[in-house]
PDB file of all heavy atoms in Angstrom:
ATOM      1  N   ALA A   1      -4.561  -5.740  17.180  1.00  0.00           N
ATOM      2  CA  ALA A   1      -3.577  -6.801  16.961  1.00  0.00           C
ATOM      3  C   ALA A   1      -3.871  -7.546  15.660  1.00  0.00           C
ATOM      4  O   ALA A   1      -2.972  -7.799  14.854  1.00  0.00           O
ATOM      5  CB  ALA A   1      -3.572  -7.768  18.140  1.00  0.00           C
ATOM      6  N   LYS A   2      -5.144  -7.881  15.455  1.00  0.00           N
ATOM      7  CA  LYS A   2      -5.527  -8.599  14.238  1.00  0.00           C
ATOM      8  C   LYS A   2      -5.360  -7.712  13.007  1.00  0.00           C
ATOM      9  O   LYS A   2      -4.884  -8.165  11.961  1.00  0.00           O
ATOM     10  CB  LYS A   2      -6.981  -9.064  14.345  1.00  0.00           C
ATOM     11  CG  LYS A   2      -7.452  -9.932  13.179  1.00  0.00           C
ATOM     12  CD  LYS A   2      -6.677 -11.240  13.096  1.00  0.00           C
ATOM     13  CE  LYS A   2      -7.223 -12.147  12.006  1.00  0.00           C
ATOM     14  NZ  LYS A   2      -6.422 -13.378  11.855  1.00  0.00           N
ATOM     15  N   ALA A   3      -5.732  -6.445  13.132  1.00  0.00           N
ATOM     16  CA  ALA A   3      -5.583  -5.520  12.006  1.00  0.00           C
ATOM     17  C   ALA A   3      -4.118  -5.387  11.603  1.00  0.00           C
ATOM     18  O   ALA A   3      -3.779  -5.392  10.412  1.00  0.00           O
ATOM     19  CB  ALA A   3      -6.167  -4.157  12.358  1.00  0.00           C
ATOM     20  N   GLY A   4      -3.229  -5.249  12.598  1.00  0.00           N
ATOM     21  CA  GLY A   4      -1.799  -5.143  12.294  1.00  0.00           C
ATOM     22  C   GLY A   4      -1.265  -6.406  11.654  1.00  0.00           C
ATOM     23  O   GLY A   4      -0.439  -6.350  10.717  1.00  0.00           O
ATOM     24  N   GLN A   5      -1.708  -7.558  12.136  1.00  0.00           N
ATOM     25  CA  GLN A   5      -1.269  -8.828  11.556  1.00  0.00           C
ATOM     26  C   GLN A   5      -1.701  -8.939  10.105  1.00  0.00           C
ATOM     27  O   GLN A   5      -0.903  -9.316   9.231  1.00  0.00           O
ATOM     28  CB  GLN A   5      -1.860  -9.990  12.358  1.00  0.00           C
ATOM     29  CG  GLN A   5      -1.497 -11.376  11.815  1.00  0.00           C
ATOM     30  CD  GLN A   5      -2.245 -12.492  12.547  1.00  0.00           C
ATOM     31  OE1 GLN A   5      -2.720 -12.307  13.667  1.00  0.00           O
ATOM     32  NE2 GLN A   5      -2.349 -13.640  11.917  1.00  0.00           N
ATOM     33  N   VAL A   6      -2.958  -8.595   9.832  1.00  0.00           N
ATOM     34  CA  VAL A   6      -3.459  -8.637   8.451  1.00  0.00           C
ATOM     35  C   VAL A   6      -2.658  -7.685   7.575  1.00  0.00           C
ATOM     36  O   VAL A   6      -2.296  -8.015   6.437  1.00  0.00           O
ATOM     37  CB  VAL A   6      -4.957  -8.286   8.420  1.00  0.00           C
ATOM     38  CG1 VAL A   6      -5.428  -8.082   6.975  1.00  0.00           C
ATOM     39  CG2 VAL A   6      -5.771  -9.377   9.080  1.00  0.00           C
ATOM     40  N   GLY A   7      -2.362  -6.484   8.094  1.00  0.00           N
ATOM     41  CA  GLY A   7      -1.590  -5.517   7.319  1.00  0.00           C
ATOM     42  C   GLY A   7      -0.222  -6.040   6.951  1.00  0.00           C
ATOM     43  O   GLY A   7       0.221  -5.917   5.801  1.00  0.00           O
ATOM     44  N   ARG A   8       0.476  -6.645   7.914  1.00  0.00           N
ATOM     45  CA  ARG A   8       1.828  -7.156   7.640  1.00  0.00           C
ATOM     46  C   ARG A   8       1.792  -8.340   6.669  1.00  0.00           C
ATOM     47  O   ARG A   8       2.625  -8.419   5.745  1.00  0.00           O
ATOM     48  CB  ARG A   8       2.503  -7.548   8.956  1.00  0.00           C
ATOM     49  CG  ARG A   8       2.881  -6.355   9.829  1.00  0.00           C
ATOM     50  CD  ARG A   8       3.677  -6.779  11.049  1.00  0.00           C
ATOM     51  NE  ARG A   8       2.864  -7.555  11.982  1.00  0.00           N
ATOM     52  CZ  ARG A   8       2.097  -7.015  12.924  1.00  0.00           C
ATOM     53  NH1 ARG A   8       2.024  -5.700  13.053  1.00  0.00           N
ATOM     54  NH2 ARG A   8       1.396  -7.782  13.751  1.00  0.00           N
ATOM     55  N   GLU A   9       0.839  -9.260   6.870  1.00  0.00           N
ATOM     56  CA  GLU A   9       0.752 -10.400   5.975  1.00  0.00           C
ATOM     57  C   GLU A   9       0.395  -9.967   4.554  1.00  0.00           C
ATOM     58  O   GLU A   9       0.950 -10.484   3.569  1.00  0.00           O
ATOM     59  CB  GLU A   9      -0.303 -11.383   6.497  1.00  0.00           C
ATOM     60  CG  GLU A   9       0.113 -12.096   7.788  1.00  0.00           C
ATOM     61  CD  GLU A   9      -1.009 -12.934   8.368  1.00  0.00           C
ATOM     62  OE1 GLU A   9      -2.148 -12.865   7.827  1.00  0.00           O
ATOM     63  OE2 GLU A   9      -0.770 -13.666   9.358  1.00  0.00           O
ATOM     64  N   THR A  10      -0.505  -9.028   4.447  1.00  0.00           N
ATOM     65  CA  THR A  10      -0.929  -8.549   3.130  1.00  0.00           C
ATOM     66  C   THR A  10       0.201  -7.812   2.433  1.00  0.00           C
ATOM     67  O   THR A  10       0.379  -7.932   1.212  1.00  0.00           O
ATOM     68  CB  THR A  10      -2.155  -7.633   3.273  1.00  0.00           C
ATOM     69  OG1 THR A  10      -3.181  -8.328   3.978  1.00  0.00           O
ATOM     70  CG2 THR A  10      -2.686  -7.226   1.916  1.00  0.00           C
ATOM     71  N   ARG A  11       0.988  -7.059   3.202  1.00  0.00           N
ATOM     72  CA  ARG A  11       2.111  -6.344   2.583  1.00  0.00           C
ATOM     73  C   ARG A  11       3.123  -7.329   2.014  1.00  0.00           C
ATOM     74  O   ARG A  11       3.677  -7.108   0.926  1.00  0.00           O
ATOM     75  CB  ARG A  11       2.774  -5.412   3.607  1.00  0.00           C
ATOM     76  CG  ARG A  11       3.852  -4.544   2.978  1.00  0.00           C
ATOM     77  CD  ARG A  11       4.243  -3.394   3.879  1.00  0.00           C
ATOM     78  NE  ARG A  11       4.892  -3.819   5.109  1.00  0.00           N
ATOM     79  CZ  ARG A  11       5.307  -2.999   6.067  1.00  0.00           C
ATOM     80  NH1 ARG A  11       5.108  -1.683   5.945  1.00  0.00           N
ATOM     81  NH2 ARG A  11       5.888  -3.449   7.148  1.00  0.00           N
ATOM     82  N   GLU A  12       3.379  -8.424   2.716  1.00  0.00           N
ATOM     83  CA  GLU A  12       4.297  -9.433   2.198  1.00  0.00           C
ATOM     84  C   GLU A  12       3.772 -10.031   0.896  1.00  0.00           C
ATOM     85  O   GLU A  12       4.531 -10.239  -0.061  1.00  0.00           O
ATOM     86  CB  GLU A  12       4.494 -10.538   3.241  1.00  0.00           C
ATOM     87  CG  GLU A  12       5.314 -10.113   4.450  1.00  0.00           C
ATOM     88  CD  GLU A  12       6.739  -9.711   4.089  1.00  0.00           C
ATOM     89  OE1 GLU A  12       7.336 -10.376   3.213  1.00  0.00           O
ATOM     90  OE2 GLU A  12       7.243  -8.733   4.663  1.00  0.00           O
ATOM     91  N   LEU A  13       2.460 -10.319   0.842  1.00  0.00           N
ATOM     92  CA  LEU A  13       1.863 -10.851  -0.385  1.00  0.00           C
ATOM     93  C   LEU A  13       1.986  -9.844  -1.529  1.00  0.00           C
ATOM     94  O   LEU A  13       2.318 -10.214  -2.666  1.00  0.00           O
ATOM     95  CB  LEU A  13       0.383 -11.170  -0.150  1.00  0.00           C
ATOM     96  CG  LEU A  13       0.050 -12.426   0.656  1.00  0.00           C
ATOM     97  CD1 LEU A  13      -1.452 -12.480   0.923  1.00  0.00           C
ATOM     98  CD2 LEU A  13       0.497 -13.667  -0.107  1.00  0.00           C
ATOM     99  N   ALA A  14       1.720  -8.573  -1.234  1.00  0.00           N
ATOM    100  CA  ALA A  14       1.787  -7.542  -2.264  1.00  0.00           C
ATOM    101  C   ALA A  14       3.210  -7.368  -2.785  1.00  0.00           C
ATOM    102  O   ALA A  14       3.433  -7.184  -3.991  1.00  0.00           O
ATOM    103  CB  ALA A  14       1.256  -6.222  -1.712  1.00  0.00           C
ATOM    104  N   MET A  15       4.170  -7.441  -1.896  1.00  0.00           N
ATOM    105  CA  MET A  15       5.566  -7.354  -2.326  1.00  0.00           C
ATOM    106  C   MET A  15       5.925  -8.517  -3.257  1.00  0.00           C
ATOM    107  O   MET A  15       6.557  -8.320  -4.305  1.00  0.00           O
ATOM    108  CB  MET A  15       6.489  -7.360  -1.110  1.00  0.00           C
ATOM    109  CG  MET A  15       6.494  -6.067  -0.320  1.00  0.00           C
ATOM    110  SD  MET A  15       7.469  -6.235   1.195  1.00  0.00           S
ATOM    111  CE  MET A  15       9.031  -6.797   0.530  1.00  0.00           C
ATOM    112  N   GLY A  16       5.481  -9.712  -2.876  1.00  0.00           N
ATOM    113  CA  GLY A  16       5.777 -10.878  -3.691  1.00  0.00           C
ATOM    114  C   GLY A  16       5.167 -10.801  -5.064  1.00  0.00           C
ATOM    115  O   GLY A  16       5.725 -11.327  -6.046  1.00  0.00           O
ATOM    116  N   ALA A  17       4.010 -10.120  -5.167  1.00  0.00           N
ATOM    117  CA  ALA A  17       3.328  -9.985  -6.453  1.00  0.00           C
ATOM    118  C   ALA A  17       3.754  -8.738  -7.209  1.00  0.00           C
ATOM    119  O   ALA A  17       3.290  -8.500  -8.325  1.00  0.00           O
ATOM    120  CB  ALA A  17       1.822  -9.953  -6.218  1.00  0.00           C
ATOM    121  N   GLY A  18       4.618  -7.928  -6.596  1.00  0.00           N
ATOM    122  CA  GLY A  18       5.077  -6.707  -7.267  1.00  0.00           C
ATOM    123  C   GLY A  18       4.004  -5.646  -7.379  1.00  0.00           C
ATOM    124  O   GLY A  18       4.004  -4.848  -8.316  1.00  0.00           O
ATOM    125  N   LEU A  19       3.073  -5.613  -6.420  1.00  0.00           N
ATOM    126  CA  LEU A  19       1.954  -4.669  -6.455  1.00  0.00           C
ATOM    127  C   LEU A  19       2.288  -3.446  -5.591  1.00  0.00           C
ATOM    128  O   LEU A  19       2.104  -3.452  -4.369  1.00  0.00           O
ATOM    129  CB  LEU A  19       0.681  -5.357  -5.950  1.00  0.00           C
ATOM    130  CG  LEU A  19       0.226  -6.576  -6.772  1.00  0.00           C
ATOM    131  CD1 LEU A  19      -0.927  -7.288  -6.083  1.00  0.00           C
ATOM    132  CD2 LEU A  19      -0.172  -6.147  -8.182  1.00  0.00           C
ATOM    133  N   ALA A  20       2.798  -2.403  -6.238  1.00  0.00           N
ATOM    134  CA  ALA A  20       3.333  -1.250  -5.519  1.00  0.00           C
ATOM    135  C   ALA A  20       2.263  -0.520  -4.711  1.00  0.00           C
ATOM    136  O   ALA A  20       2.465  -0.192  -3.537  1.00  0.00           O
ATOM    137  CB  ALA A  20       3.994  -0.295  -6.507  1.00  0.00           C
ATOM    138  N   ARG A  21       1.115  -0.238  -5.338  1.00  0.00           N
ATOM    139  CA  ARG A  21       0.093   0.509  -4.609  1.00  0.00           C
ATOM    140  C   ARG A  21      -0.392  -0.276  -3.399  1.00  0.00           C
ATOM    141  O   ARG A  21      -0.592   0.289  -2.314  1.00  0.00           O
ATOM    142  CB  ARG A  21      -1.089   0.835  -5.522  1.00  0.00           C
ATOM    143  CG  ARG A  21      -2.259   1.419  -4.741  1.00  0.00           C
ATOM    144  CD  ARG A  21      -3.356   1.943  -5.622  1.00  0.00           C
ATOM    145  NE  ARG A  21      -4.514   2.351  -4.827  1.00  0.00           N
ATOM    146  CZ  ARG A  21      -5.528   3.066  -5.268  1.00  0.00           C
ATOM    147  NH1 ARG A  21      -5.545   3.453  -6.523  1.00  0.00           N
ATOM    148  NH2 ARG A  21      -6.540   3.388  -4.482  1.00  0.00           N
ATOM    149  N   GLU A  22      -0.589  -1.591  -3.570  1.00  0.00           N
ATOM    150  CA  GLU A  22      -1.074  -2.412  -2.462  1.00  0.00           C
ATOM    151  C   GLU A  22      -0.060  -2.474  -1.322  1.00  0.00           C
ATOM    152  O   GLU A  22      -0.441  -2.562  -0.153  1.00  0.00           O
ATOM    153  CB  GLU A  22      -1.423  -3.811  -2.961  1.00  0.00           C
ATOM    154  CG  GLU A  22      -2.725  -3.893  -3.741  1.00  0.00           C
ATOM    155  CD  GLU A  22      -2.625  -3.355  -5.161  1.00  0.00           C
ATOM    156  OE1 GLU A  22      -1.497  -2.995  -5.586  1.00  0.00           O
ATOM    157  OE2 GLU A  22      -3.641  -3.303  -5.859  1.00  0.00           O
ATOM    158  N   VAL A  23       1.236  -2.403  -1.658  1.00  0.00           N
ATOM    159  CA  VAL A  23       2.255  -2.307  -0.615  1.00  0.00           C
ATOM    160  C   VAL A  23       2.042  -1.027   0.189  1.00  0.00           C
ATOM    161  O   VAL A  23       2.111  -1.014   1.421  1.00  0.00           O
ATOM    162  CB  VAL A  23       3.674  -2.341  -1.228  1.00  0.00           C
ATOM    163  CG1 VAL A  23       4.728  -1.994  -0.170  1.00  0.00           C
ATOM    164  CG2 VAL A  23       3.976  -3.709  -1.823  1.00  0.00           C
ATOM    165  N   GLY A  24       1.776   0.073  -0.527  1.00  0.00           N
ATOM    166  CA  GLY A  24       1.524   1.344   0.149  1.00  0.00           C
ATOM    167  C   GLY A  24       0.271   1.312   0.991  1.00  0.00           C
ATOM    168  O   GLY A  24       0.248   1.815   2.124  1.00  0.00           O
ATOM    169  N   GLU A  25      -0.800   0.694   0.466  1.00  0.00           N
ATOM    170  CA  GLU A  25      -2.055   0.628   1.222  1.00  0.00           C
ATOM    171  C   GLU A  25      -1.906  -0.231   2.472  1.00  0.00           C
ATOM    172  O   GLU A  25      -2.426   0.122   3.543  1.00  0.00           O
ATOM    173  CB  GLU A  25      -3.160   0.074   0.320  1.00  0.00           C
ATOM    174  CG  GLU A  25      -3.590   1.048  -0.766  1.00  0.00           C
ATOM    175  CD  GLU A  25      -4.687   0.492  -1.649  1.00  0.00           C
ATOM    176  OE1 GLU A  25      -4.708  -0.744  -1.875  1.00  0.00           O
ATOM    177  OE2 GLU A  25      -5.519   1.279  -2.120  1.00  0.00           O
ATOM    178  N   ALA A  26      -1.208  -1.352   2.347  1.00  0.00           N
ATOM    179  CA  ALA A  26      -0.977  -2.196   3.516  1.00  0.00           C
ATOM    180  C   ALA A  26      -0.126  -1.459   4.546  1.00  0.00           C
ATOM    181  O   ALA A  26      -0.357  -1.563   5.763  1.00  0.00           O
ATOM    182  CB  ALA A  26      -0.304  -3.503   3.107  1.00  0.00           C
ATOM    183  N   SER A  27       0.851  -0.687   4.084  1.00  0.00           N
ATOM    184  CA  SER A  27       1.681   0.112   5.002  1.00  0.00           C
ATOM    185  C   SER A  27       0.845   1.172   5.704  1.00  0.00           C
ATOM    186  O   SER A  27       1.053   1.462   6.890  1.00  0.00           O
ATOM    187  CB  SER A  27       2.834   0.759   4.232  1.00  0.00           C
ATOM    188  OG  SER A  27       3.680  -0.217   3.662  1.00  0.00           O
ATOM    189  N   ALA A  28      -0.113   1.757   4.974  1.00  0.00           N
ATOM    190  CA  ALA A  28      -1.007   2.738   5.584  1.00  0.00           C
ATOM    191  C   ALA A  28      -1.837   2.090   6.685  1.00  0.00           C
ATOM    192  O   ALA A  28      -2.045   2.680   7.753  1.00  0.00           O
ATOM    193  CB  ALA A  28      -1.917   3.351   4.525  1.00  0.00           C
ATOM    194  N   LEU A  29      -2.312   0.873   6.431  1.00  0.00           N
ATOM    195  CA  LEU A  29      -3.081   0.152   7.448  1.00  0.00           C
ATOM    196  C   LEU A  29      -2.224  -0.107   8.685  1.00  0.00           C
ATOM    197  O   LEU A  29      -2.667   0.120   9.824  1.00  0.00           O
ATOM    198  CB  LEU A  29      -3.599  -1.166   6.877  1.00  0.00           C
ATOM    199  CG  LEU A  29      -4.314  -2.112   7.850  1.00  0.00           C
ATOM    200  CD1 LEU A  29      -5.505  -1.425   8.497  1.00  0.00           C
ATOM    201  CD2 LEU A  29      -4.742  -3.387   7.135  1.00  0.00           C
ATOM    202  N   ILE A  30      -0.982  -0.561   8.480  1.00  0.00           N
ATOM    203  CA  ILE A  30      -0.072  -0.811   9.600  1.00  0.00           C
ATOM    204  C   ILE A  30       0.174   0.481  10.381  1.00  0.00           C
ATOM    205  O   ILE A  30       0.181   0.504  11.613  1.00  0.00           O
ATOM    206  CB  ILE A  30       1.264  -1.390   9.078  1.00  0.00           C
ATOM    207  CG1 ILE A  30       1.017  -2.783   8.464  1.00  0.00           C
ATOM    208  CG2 ILE A  30       2.301  -1.469  10.189  1.00  0.00           C
ATOM    209  CD1 ILE A  30       2.193  -3.291   7.642  1.00  0.00           C
ATOM    210  N   GLY A  31       0.371   1.578   9.639  1.00  0.00           N
ATOM    211  CA  GLY A  31       0.586   2.867  10.293  1.00  0.00           C
ATOM    212  C   GLY A  31      -0.620   3.334  11.078  1.00  0.00           C
ATOM    213  O   GLY A  31      -0.491   3.880  12.185  1.00  0.00           O
ATOM    214  N   LEU A  32      -1.830   3.146  10.523  1.00  0.00           N
ATOM    215  CA  LEU A  32      -3.048   3.550  11.221  1.00  0.00           C
ATOM    216  C   LEU A  32      -3.224   2.778  12.530  1.00  0.00           C
ATOM    217  O   LEU A  32      -3.647   3.340  13.543  1.00  0.00           O
ATOM    218  CB  LEU A  32      -4.264   3.335  10.318  1.00  0.00           C
ATOM    219  CG  LEU A  32      -4.468   4.374   9.211  1.00  0.00           C
ATOM    220  CD1 LEU A  32      -5.510   3.883   8.210  1.00  0.00           C
ATOM    221  CD2 LEU A  32      -4.874   5.716   9.797  1.00  0.00           C
ATOM    222  N   VAL A  33      -2.888   1.489  12.491  1.00  0.00           N
ATOM    223  CA  VAL A  33      -2.976   0.682  13.715  1.00  0.00           C
ATOM    224  C   VAL A  33      -2.054   1.264  14.785  1.00  0.00           C
ATOM    225  O   VAL A  33      -2.455   1.455  15.944  1.00  0.00           O
ATOM    226  CB  VAL A  33      -2.607  -0.781  13.421  1.00  0.00           C
ATOM    227  CG1 VAL A  33      -2.473  -1.570  14.729  1.00  0.00           C
ATOM    228  CG2 VAL A  33      -3.656  -1.436  12.520  1.00  0.00           C
ATOM    229  N   ALA A  34      -0.821   1.554  14.399  1.00  0.00           N
ATOM    230  CA  ALA A  34       0.138   2.114  15.365  1.00  0.00           C
ATOM    231  C   ALA A  34      -0.318   3.478  15.862  1.00  0.00           C
ATOM    232  O   ALA A  34      -0.186   3.816  17.045  1.00  0.00           O
ATOM    233  CB  ALA A  34       1.518   2.217  14.714  1.00  0.00           C
ATOM    234  N   HIS A  35      -0.878   4.292  14.952  1.00  0.00           N
ATOM    235  CA  HIS A  35      -1.355   5.625  15.324  1.00  0.00           C
ATOM    236  C   HIS A  35      -2.480   5.522  16.356  1.00  0.00           C
ATOM    237  O   HIS A  35      -2.505   6.274  17.346  1.00  0.00           O
ATOM    238  CB  HIS A  35      -1.850   6.359  14.077  1.00  0.00           C
ATOM    239  CG  HIS A  35      -2.493   7.680  14.360  1.00  0.00           C
ATOM    240  ND1 HIS A  35      -1.794   8.772  14.815  1.00  0.00           N
ATOM    241  CD2 HIS A  35      -3.789   8.076  14.268  1.00  0.00           C
ATOM    242  CE1 HIS A  35      -2.612   9.787  14.990  1.00  0.00           C
ATOM    243  NE2 HIS A  35      -3.838   9.394  14.664  1.00  0.00           N
ATOM    244  N   MET A  36      -3.401   4.588  16.132  1.00  0.00           N
ATOM    245  CA  MET A  36      -4.519   4.405  17.068  1.00  0.00           C
ATOM    246  C   MET A  36      -4.022   4.001  18.454  1.00  0.00           C
ATOM    247  O   MET A  36      -4.655   4.299  19.468  1.00  0.00           O
ATOM    248  CB  MET A  36      -5.471   3.332  16.537  1.00  0.00           C
ATOM    249  CG  MET A  36      -6.201   3.713  15.270  1.00  0.00           C
ATOM    250  SD  MET A  36      -7.440   4.971  15.574  1.00  0.00           S
ATOM    251  CE  MET A  36      -8.364   4.908  14.039  1.00  0.00           C
ATOM    252  N   GLN A  37      -2.880   3.345  18.498  1.00  0.00           N
ATOM    253  CA  GLN A  37      -2.337   2.876  19.781  1.00  0.00           C
ATOM    254  C   GLN A  37      -1.295   3.840  20.349  1.00  0.00           C
ATOM    255  O   GLN A  37      -0.672   3.551  21.371  1.00  0.00           O
ATOM    256  CB  GLN A  37      -1.712   1.489  19.598  1.00  0.00           C
ATOM    257  CG  GLN A  37      -2.735   0.422  19.208  1.00  0.00           C
ATOM    258  CD  GLN A  37      -2.086  -0.917  18.940  1.00  0.00           C
ATOM    259  OE1 GLN A  37      -1.264  -1.072  18.020  1.00  0.00           O
ATOM    260  NE2 GLN A  37      -2.444  -1.912  19.735  1.00  0.00           N
ATOM    261  N   GLY A  38      -1.100   4.972  19.675  1.00  0.00           N
ATOM    262  CA  GLY A  38      -0.150   5.967  20.158  1.00  0.00           C
ATOM    263  C   GLY A  38       1.304   5.619  19.929  1.00  0.00           C
ATOM    264  O   GLY A  38       2.187   6.200  20.574  1.00  0.00           O
ATOM    265  N   GLY A  39       1.588   4.686  19.002  1.00  0.00           N
ATOM    266  CA  GLY A  39       2.972   4.268  18.788  1.00  0.00           C
ATOM    267  C   GLY A  39       3.478   4.452  17.375  1.00  0.00           C
ATOM    268  O   GLY A  39       4.408   3.756  16.954  1.00  0.00           O
ATOM    269  N   TRP A  40       2.885   5.417  16.641  1.00  0.00           N
ATOM    270  CA  TRP A  40       3.284   5.549  15.239  1.00  0.00           C
ATOM    271  C   TRP A  40       4.746   5.970  15.088  1.00  0.00           C
ATOM    272  O   TRP A  40       5.461   5.449  14.236  1.00  0.00           O
ATOM    273  CB  TRP A  40       2.400   6.554  14.496  1.00  0.00           C
ATOM    274  CG  TRP A  40       2.876   6.723  13.085  1.00  0.00           C
ATOM    275  CD1 TRP A  40       2.606   5.900  12.018  1.00  0.00           C
ATOM    276  CD2 TRP A  40       3.758   7.734  12.594  1.00  0.00           C
ATOM    277  NE1 TRP A  40       3.267   6.343  10.897  1.00  0.00           N
ATOM    278  CE2 TRP A  40       3.981   7.473  11.224  1.00  0.00           C
ATOM    279  CE3 TRP A  40       4.387   8.830  13.174  1.00  0.00           C
ATOM    280  CZ2 TRP A  40       4.795   8.277  10.429  1.00  0.00           C
ATOM    281  CZ3 TRP A  40       5.203   9.635  12.381  1.00  0.00           C
ATOM    282  CH2 TRP A  40       5.402   9.362  11.020  1.00  0.00           C
ATOM    283  N   ARG A  41       5.214   6.911  15.887  1.00  0.00           N
ATOM    284  CA  ARG A  41       6.589   7.409  15.716  1.00  0.00           C
ATOM    285  C   ARG A  41       7.596   6.276  15.892  1.00  0.00           C
ATOM    286  O   ARG A  41       8.558   6.166  15.121  1.00  0.00           O
ATOM    287  CB  ARG A  41       6.881   8.534  16.712  1.00  0.00           C
ATOM    288  CG  ARG A  41       6.136   9.811  16.408  1.00  0.00           C
ATOM    289  CD  ARG A  41       6.687  10.971  17.210  1.00  0.00           C
ATOM    290  NE  ARG A  41       5.910  12.180  17.013  1.00  0.00           N
ATOM    291  CZ  ARG A  41       6.276  13.387  17.435  1.00  0.00           C
ATOM    292  NH1 ARG A  41       7.430  13.521  18.075  1.00  0.00           N
ATOM    293  NH2 ARG A  41       5.527  14.433  17.220  1.00  0.00           N
TER     294      ARG A  41
END
């Protein structure tokens, strides 16, 4: 839960700063959290 929250908050910050790679990395973190919980699809 905390990992997903950090991922979403960080992605918003990266979007605001125009940091494309960091948006992708934060999305990867969000995806990994969902994958670990069996809900990626």
